[in-house]
Amino acid sequence: MITVSVFYLNTAGGKPDINYYLNQLLPMVQRSLAPLATHGS
């Protein structure tokens, strides 16, 4: 099992940007981890 944690800066007035995570970060993580995927497990 692989666990991925995402951290963002705690700045005054800063808010998590869900669109960034869904449209930029998650696809990048998927591309990065794809070579580690195993078949038939």
Protein backbone atom coordinates (compact mmCIF):
# COMPACT_ATOMS: atom_id res chain seq x y z
CA MET A 1 0.00 0.00 0.00
CA ILE A 2 1.19 3.49 -0.86
CA THR A 3 -0.02 6.52 1.06
CA VAL A 4 0.29 10.01 -0.40
CA SER A 5 0.00 13.05 1.86
CA VAL A 6 -0.51 16.54 0.49
CA PHE A 7 0.46 19.58 2.51
CA TYR A 8 -0.10 23.23 1.75
CA LEU A 9 1.32 26.36 3.31
CA ASN A 10 -0.55 27.76 6.26
CA THR A 11 -0.65 31.41 5.24
CA ALA A 12 -2.95 34.14 6.48
CA GLY A 13 -6.16 34.01 4.45
CA GLY A 14 -4.96 30.97 2.50
CA LYS A 15 -7.52 28.33 1.56
CA PRO A 16 -7.13 24.92 -0.08
CA ASP A 17 -7.93 25.06 -3.79
CA ILE A 18 -9.97 21.92 -4.51
CA ASN A 19 -9.93 22.56 -8.26
CA TYR A 20 -6.13 22.61 -8.24
CA TYR A 21 -5.97 19.34 -6.32
CA LEU A 22 -8.52 17.61 -8.55
CA ASN A 23 -7.28 18.93 -11.89
CA GLN A 24 -3.52 19.30 -11.37
CA LEU A 25 -2.20 17.47 -8.34
CA LEU A 26 -4.14 14.19 -8.50
CA PRO A 27 -3.39 13.55 -12.20
CA MET A 28 0.30 14.28 -11.52
CA VAL A 29 0.33 11.79 -8.63
CA GLN A 30 -1.42 9.19 -10.78
CA ARG A 31 1.16 9.61 -13.56
CA SER A 32 4.00 9.40 -11.04
CA LEU A 33 2.71 6.23 -9.38
CA ALA A 34 1.52 4.42 -12.52
CA PRO A 35 4.88 2.63 -13.04
CA LEU A 36 4.53 1.12 -9.55
CA ALA A 37 1.14 -0.44 -10.26
CA THR A 38 1.08 -4.22 -10.16
CA HIS A 39 -1.16 -6.42 -12.22
CA GLY A 40 -3.10 -9.36 -10.85
CA SER A 41 -2.79 -8.46 -7.18
